[in-house]
Amino acid sequence: MKTSEPTDMTLDAEALEELRPEQQLGKTCLVLAAVCLAAWFSNMVNGAPLLDALPGMLLLYVMVVVGLLIGRVMPFYLPSVAWVSLVSILATLPVMPGSEWVVAQLAEINFLAMVTPVLAYAGLTLTGREFAMFRQTGWKLILVAILVFFGTFVGSAFVANLLL
């Protein structure tokens, strides 16, 4: 006998749909502003004046919000990171008017210093669920991770040696 009640998988899909960043723009914009503020201050670690990096950080914020808005209104699903990347690529294309200014402003930001607080936050947000999934996958995940890291390192070293 079939019922019209949704299955657990349907409920999970609906719950995940509501949790997507483009579906909660208000919260996402506030969190994004906090992250941009932390990244802006972390940019100062390299000796860059705060005011020099402000236009670039505001541009990054705007590009992310525009990407999230596009992801919200599009009739088909594509991850937010794809829309944000597309907006950023289009804004920095040489054929776009003002792209030289955009690139110059973004050059004032040290992206390595900027991702440090983001990666720290990502590490802090690991939950018991992720650790349980890690325990279930066991040694195979560790082996695959080591091989991926090793292959990436060797491949990068090979390309760098070839080109340099």
C-alpha atoms as a PDB file:
ATOM      1  CA  MET A   1       0.000   0.000   0.000  1.00  0.00           C
ATOM      2  CA  LYS A   2       1.417   3.342  -1.034  1.00  0.00           C
ATOM      3  CA  THR A   3       1.015   6.415   1.074  1.00  0.00           C
ATOM      4  CA  SER A   4       1.374  10.004   0.114  1.00  0.00           C
ATOM      5  CA  GLU A   5       3.621  10.750   3.104  1.00  0.00           C
ATOM      6  CA  PRO A   6       7.106  11.895   2.213  1.00  0.00           C
ATOM      7  CA  THR A   7       9.980   9.603   2.963  1.00  0.00           C
ATOM      8  CA  ASP A   8      12.903  10.461   5.222  1.00  0.00           C
ATOM      9  CA  MET A   9      15.010  11.116   2.120  1.00  0.00           C
ATOM     10  CA  THR A  10      12.479  13.685   0.894  1.00  0.00           C
ATOM     11  CA  LEU A  11      12.471  15.419   4.259  1.00  0.00           C
ATOM     12  CA  ASP A  12      16.249  15.526   4.258  1.00  0.00           C
ATOM     13  CA  ALA A  13      16.268  17.016   0.763  1.00  0.00           C
ATOM     14  CA  GLU A  14      13.730  19.654   1.803  1.00  0.00           C
ATOM     15  CA  ALA A  15      15.698  20.467   4.953  1.00  0.00           C
ATOM     16  CA  LEU A  16      18.882  20.779   2.940  1.00  0.00           C
ATOM     17  CA  GLU A  17      17.094  23.021   0.436  1.00  0.00           C
ATOM     18  CA  GLU A  18      16.178  25.418   3.246  1.00  0.00           C
ATOM     19  CA  LEU A  19      19.758  25.418   4.578  1.00  0.00           C
ATOM     20  CA  ARG A  20      21.355  26.542   1.318  1.00  0.00           C
ATOM     21  CA  PRO A  21      22.955  29.984   1.680  1.00  0.00           C
ATOM     22  CA  GLU A  22      20.992  31.548  -1.163  1.00  0.00           C
ATOM     23  CA  GLN A  23      17.745  30.573   0.572  1.00  0.00           C
ATOM     24  CA  GLN A  24      18.727  32.484   3.737  1.00  0.00           C
ATOM     25  CA  LEU A  25      20.166  35.670   2.269  1.00  0.00           C
ATOM     26  CA  GLY A  26      19.734  37.764   5.403  1.00  0.00           C
ATOM     27  CA  LYS A  27      21.682  35.398   7.647  1.00  0.00           C
ATOM     28  CA  THR A  28      24.201  34.662   4.927  1.00  0.00           C
ATOM     29  CA  CYS A  29      24.915  38.354   4.323  1.00  0.00           C
ATOM     30  CA  LEU A  30      25.454  38.960   8.050  1.00  0.00           C
ATOM     31  CA  VAL A  31      27.805  36.004   8.406  1.00  0.00           C
ATOM     32  CA  LEU A  32      29.571  36.995   5.211  1.00  0.00           C
ATOM     33  CA  ALA A  33      30.028  40.541   6.540  1.00  0.00           C
ATOM     34  CA  ALA A  34      31.605  39.142   9.712  1.00  0.00           C
ATOM     35  CA  VAL A  35      33.916  36.915   7.692  1.00  0.00           C
ATOM     36  CA  CYS A  36      34.887  39.832   5.432  1.00  0.00           C
ATOM     37  CA  LEU A  37      35.609  41.963   8.477  1.00  0.00           C
ATOM     38  CA  ALA A  38      37.859  39.267   9.969  1.00  0.00           C
ATOM     39  CA  ALA A  39      39.568  38.747   6.617  1.00  0.00           C
ATOM     40  CA  TRP A  40      40.040  42.506   6.215  1.00  0.00           C
ATOM     41  CA  PHE A  41      41.800  42.721   9.575  1.00  0.00           C
ATOM     42  CA  SER A  42      43.856  39.595   8.870  1.00  0.00           C
ATOM     43  CA  ASN A  43      45.082  41.288   5.696  1.00  0.00           C
ATOM     44  CA  MET A  44      46.795  43.801   7.978  1.00  0.00           C
ATOM     45  CA  VAL A  45      49.122  41.016   9.209  1.00  0.00           C
ATOM     46  CA  ASN A  46      51.203  41.423   6.046  1.00  0.00           C
ATOM     47  CA  GLY A  47      51.666  45.120   6.726  1.00  0.00           C
ATOM     48  CA  ALA A  48      49.024  46.270   4.259  1.00  0.00           C
ATOM     49  CA  PRO A  49      47.176  49.405   5.384  1.00  0.00           C
ATOM     50  CA  LEU A  50      43.547  48.712   6.218  1.00  0.00           C
ATOM     51  CA  LEU A  51      42.128  51.420   3.985  1.00  0.00           C
ATOM     52  CA  ASP A  52      44.029  50.173   0.915  1.00  0.00           C
ATOM     53  CA  ALA A  53      42.290  46.801   1.119  1.00  0.00           C
ATOM     54  CA  LEU A  54      38.811  48.138   1.928  1.00  0.00           C
ATOM     55  CA  PRO A  55      37.597  48.641  -1.688  1.00  0.00           C
ATOM     56  CA  GLY A  56      38.788  45.157  -2.653  1.00  0.00           C
ATOM     57  CA  MET A  57      37.088  43.574   0.347  1.00  0.00           C
ATOM     58  CA  LEU A  58      33.851  45.415  -0.447  1.00  0.00           C
ATOM     59  CA  LEU A  59      34.107  44.195  -4.049  1.00  0.00           C
ATOM     60  CA  LEU A  60      34.514  40.620  -2.847  1.00  0.00           C
ATOM     61  CA  TYR A  61      31.465  41.010  -0.610  1.00  0.00           C
ATOM     62  CA  VAL A  62      29.375  42.409  -3.467  1.00  0.00           C
ATOM     63  CA  MET A  63      30.483  39.667  -5.888  1.00  0.00           C
ATOM     64  CA  VAL A  64      29.507  36.962  -3.393  1.00  0.00           C
ATOM     65  CA  VAL A  65      26.116  38.525  -2.663  1.00  0.00           C
ATOM     66  CA  VAL A  66      25.391  38.959  -6.393  1.00  0.00           C
ATOM     67  CA  GLY A  67      26.340  35.314  -6.983  1.00  0.00           C
ATOM     68  CA  LEU A  68      23.991  34.219  -4.186  1.00  0.00           C
ATOM     69  CA  LEU A  69      21.171  36.349  -5.598  1.00  0.00           C
ATOM     70  CA  ILE A  70      21.641  34.827  -9.040  1.00  0.00           C
ATOM     71  CA  GLY A  71      21.626  31.348  -7.506  1.00  0.00           C
ATOM     72  CA  ARG A  72      18.349  32.158  -5.771  1.00  0.00           C
ATOM     73  CA  VAL A  73      16.478  33.399  -8.842  1.00  0.00           C
ATOM     74  CA  MET A  74      17.721  30.890 -11.414  1.00  0.00           C
ATOM     75  CA  PRO A  75      15.155  28.239 -12.356  1.00  0.00           C
ATOM     76  CA  PHE A  76      17.743  25.443 -12.104  1.00  0.00           C
ATOM     77  CA  TYR A  77      20.112  24.510  -9.303  1.00  0.00           C
ATOM     78  CA  LEU A  78      23.808  25.187  -9.516  1.00  0.00           C
ATOM     79  CA  PRO A  79      25.908  25.443  -6.345  1.00  0.00           C
ATOM     80  CA  SER A  80      26.392  28.966  -5.027  1.00  0.00           C
ATOM     81  CA  VAL A  81      30.141  28.706  -5.418  1.00  0.00           C
ATOM     82  CA  ALA A  82      29.654  28.292  -9.165  1.00  0.00           C
ATOM     83  CA  TRP A  83      27.538  31.456  -9.415  1.00  0.00           C
ATOM     84  CA  VAL A  84      29.952  33.435  -7.240  1.00  0.00           C
ATOM     85  CA  SER A  85      32.869  32.217  -9.351  1.00  0.00           C
ATOM     86  CA  LEU A  86      31.065  33.140 -12.562  1.00  0.00           C
ATOM     87  CA  VAL A  87      30.290  36.653 -11.290  1.00  0.00           C
ATOM     88  CA  SER A  88      33.900  37.109 -10.170  1.00  0.00           C
ATOM     89  CA  ILE A  89      35.312  35.846 -13.451  1.00  0.00           C
ATOM     90  CA  LEU A  90      33.015  38.114 -15.450  1.00  0.00           C
ATOM     91  CA  ALA A  91      33.922  41.130 -13.289  1.00  0.00           C
ATOM     92  CA  THR A  92      37.642  40.608 -13.898  1.00  0.00           C
ATOM     93  CA  LEU A  93      37.598  39.745 -17.595  1.00  0.00           C
ATOM     94  CA  PRO A  94      39.742  42.203 -19.564  1.00  0.00           C
ATOM     95  CA  VAL A  95      36.864  42.904 -21.961  1.00  0.00           C
ATOM     96  CA  MET A  96      34.606  44.116 -19.137  1.00  0.00           C
ATOM     97  CA  PRO A  97      34.540  47.860 -18.540  1.00  0.00           C
ATOM     98  CA  GLY A  98      36.267  48.741 -15.283  1.00  0.00           C
ATOM     99  CA  SER A  99      37.956  45.377 -14.913  1.00  0.00           C
ATOM    100  CA  GLU A 100      41.374  47.010 -14.569  1.00  0.00           C
ATOM    101  CA  TRP A 101      40.143  48.927 -11.538  1.00  0.00           C
ATOM    102  CA  VAL A 102      38.519  45.797 -10.057  1.00  0.00           C
ATOM    103  CA  VAL A 103      41.729  43.794 -10.487  1.00  0.00           C
ATOM    104  CA  ALA A 104      43.796  46.641  -9.007  1.00  0.00           C
ATOM    105  CA  GLN A 105      41.560  46.791  -5.933  1.00  0.00           C
ATOM    106  CA  LEU A 106      41.617  43.027  -5.482  1.00  0.00           C
ATOM    107  CA  ALA A 107      45.413  43.054  -5.789  1.00  0.00           C
ATOM    108  CA  GLU A 108      45.532  44.976  -2.490  1.00  0.00           C
ATOM    109  CA  ILE A 109      44.195  41.891  -0.706  1.00  0.00           C
ATOM    110  CA  ASN A 110      46.539  39.117   0.322  1.00  0.00           C
ATOM    111  CA  PHE A 111      44.369  36.071  -0.292  1.00  0.00           C
ATOM    112  CA  LEU A 112      46.530  33.777   1.809  1.00  0.00           C
ATOM    113  CA  ALA A 113      46.019  36.026   4.826  1.00  0.00           C
ATOM    114  CA  MET A 114      42.334  36.283   3.953  1.00  0.00           C
ATOM    115  CA  VAL A 115      41.630  32.550   3.929  1.00  0.00           C
ATOM    116  CA  THR A 116      43.364  31.909   7.247  1.00  0.00           C
ATOM    117  CA  PRO A 117      40.356  32.868   9.423  1.00  0.00           C
ATOM    118  CA  VAL A 118      38.010  31.097   7.013  1.00  0.00           C
ATOM    119  CA  LEU A 119      39.985  27.854   7.250  1.00  0.00           C
ATOM    120  CA  ALA A 120      40.218  28.213  11.028  1.00  0.00           C
ATOM    121  CA  TYR A 121      36.436  28.581  11.206  1.00  0.00           C
ATOM    122  CA  ALA A 122      35.947  25.593   8.911  1.00  0.00           C
ATOM    123  CA  GLY A 123      38.126  23.502  11.189  1.00  0.00           C
ATOM    124  CA  LEU A 124      36.147  24.586  14.232  1.00  0.00           C
ATOM    125  CA  THR A 125      32.815  23.683  12.661  1.00  0.00           C
ATOM    126  CA  LEU A 126      33.534  19.973  12.406  1.00  0.00           C
ATOM    127  CA  THR A 127      30.769  18.193  14.260  1.00  0.00           C
ATOM    128  CA  GLY A 128      30.327  14.750  15.738  1.00  0.00           C
ATOM    129  CA  ARG A 129      28.494  13.748  12.555  1.00  0.00           C
ATOM    130  CA  GLU A 130      31.599  14.389  10.415  1.00  0.00           C
ATOM    131  CA  PHE A 131      33.789  12.462  12.840  1.00  0.00           C
ATOM    132  CA  ALA A 132      31.295   9.570  12.840  1.00  0.00           C
ATOM    133  CA  MET A 133      31.343   9.506   9.031  1.00  0.00           C
ATOM    134  CA  PHE A 134      35.140   9.562   9.128  1.00  0.00           C
ATOM    135  CA  ARG A 135      35.181   6.593  11.528  1.00  0.00           C
ATOM    136  CA  GLN A 136      32.813   4.667   9.233  1.00  0.00           C
ATOM    137  CA  THR A 137      34.999   5.149   6.163  1.00  0.00           C
ATOM    138  CA  GLY A 138      38.083   4.050   8.098  1.00  0.00           C
ATOM    139  CA  TRP A 139      41.568   3.600   6.719  1.00  0.00           C
ATOM    140  CA  LYS A 140      40.486   3.812   3.070  1.00  0.00           C
ATOM    141  CA  LEU A 141      39.729   7.517   3.383  1.00  0.00           C
ATOM    142  CA  ILE A 142      43.147   8.161   4.925  1.00  0.00           C
ATOM    143  CA  LEU A 143      44.843   6.223   2.124  1.00  0.00           C
ATOM    144  CA  VAL A 144      42.946   8.123  -0.565  1.00  0.00           C
ATOM    145  CA  ALA A 145      43.699  11.475   1.116  1.00  0.00           C
ATOM    146  CA  ILE A 146      47.422  10.672   1.338  1.00  0.00           C
ATOM    147  CA  LEU A 147      47.518   9.593  -2.308  1.00  0.00           C
ATOM    148  CA  VAL A 148      45.654  12.725  -3.414  1.00  0.00           C
ATOM    149  CA  PHE A 149      47.970  15.007  -1.420  1.00  0.00           C
ATOM    150  CA  PHE A 150      51.043  13.175  -2.660  1.00  0.00           C
ATOM    151  CA  GLY A 151      49.851  13.177  -6.275  1.00  0.00           C
ATOM    152  CA  THR A 152      48.986  16.873  -6.131  1.00  0.00           C
ATOM    153  CA  PHE A 153      52.363  17.723  -4.618  1.00  0.00           C
ATOM    154  CA  VAL A 154      54.339  15.628  -7.118  1.00  0.00           C
ATOM    155  CA  GLY A 155      52.249  16.893 -10.034  1.00  0.00           C
ATOM    156  CA  SER A 156      52.704  20.512  -8.960  1.00  0.00           C
ATOM    157  CA  ALA A 157      56.435  20.015  -8.483  1.00  0.00           C
ATOM    158  CA  PHE A 158      56.675  18.388 -11.924  1.00  0.00           C
ATOM    159  CA  VAL A 159      54.794  21.230 -13.643  1.00  0.00           C
ATOM    160  CA  ALA A 160      56.805  23.857 -11.756  1.00  0.00           C
ATOM    161  CA  ASN A 161      60.068  22.122 -12.702  1.00  0.00           C
ATOM    162  CA  LEU A 162      58.965  21.856 -16.306  1.00  0.00           C
ATOM    163  CA  LEU A 163      57.923  25.495 -16.609  1.00  0.00           C
ATOM    164  CA  LEU A 164      60.548  27.139 -14.439  1.00  0.00           C
END
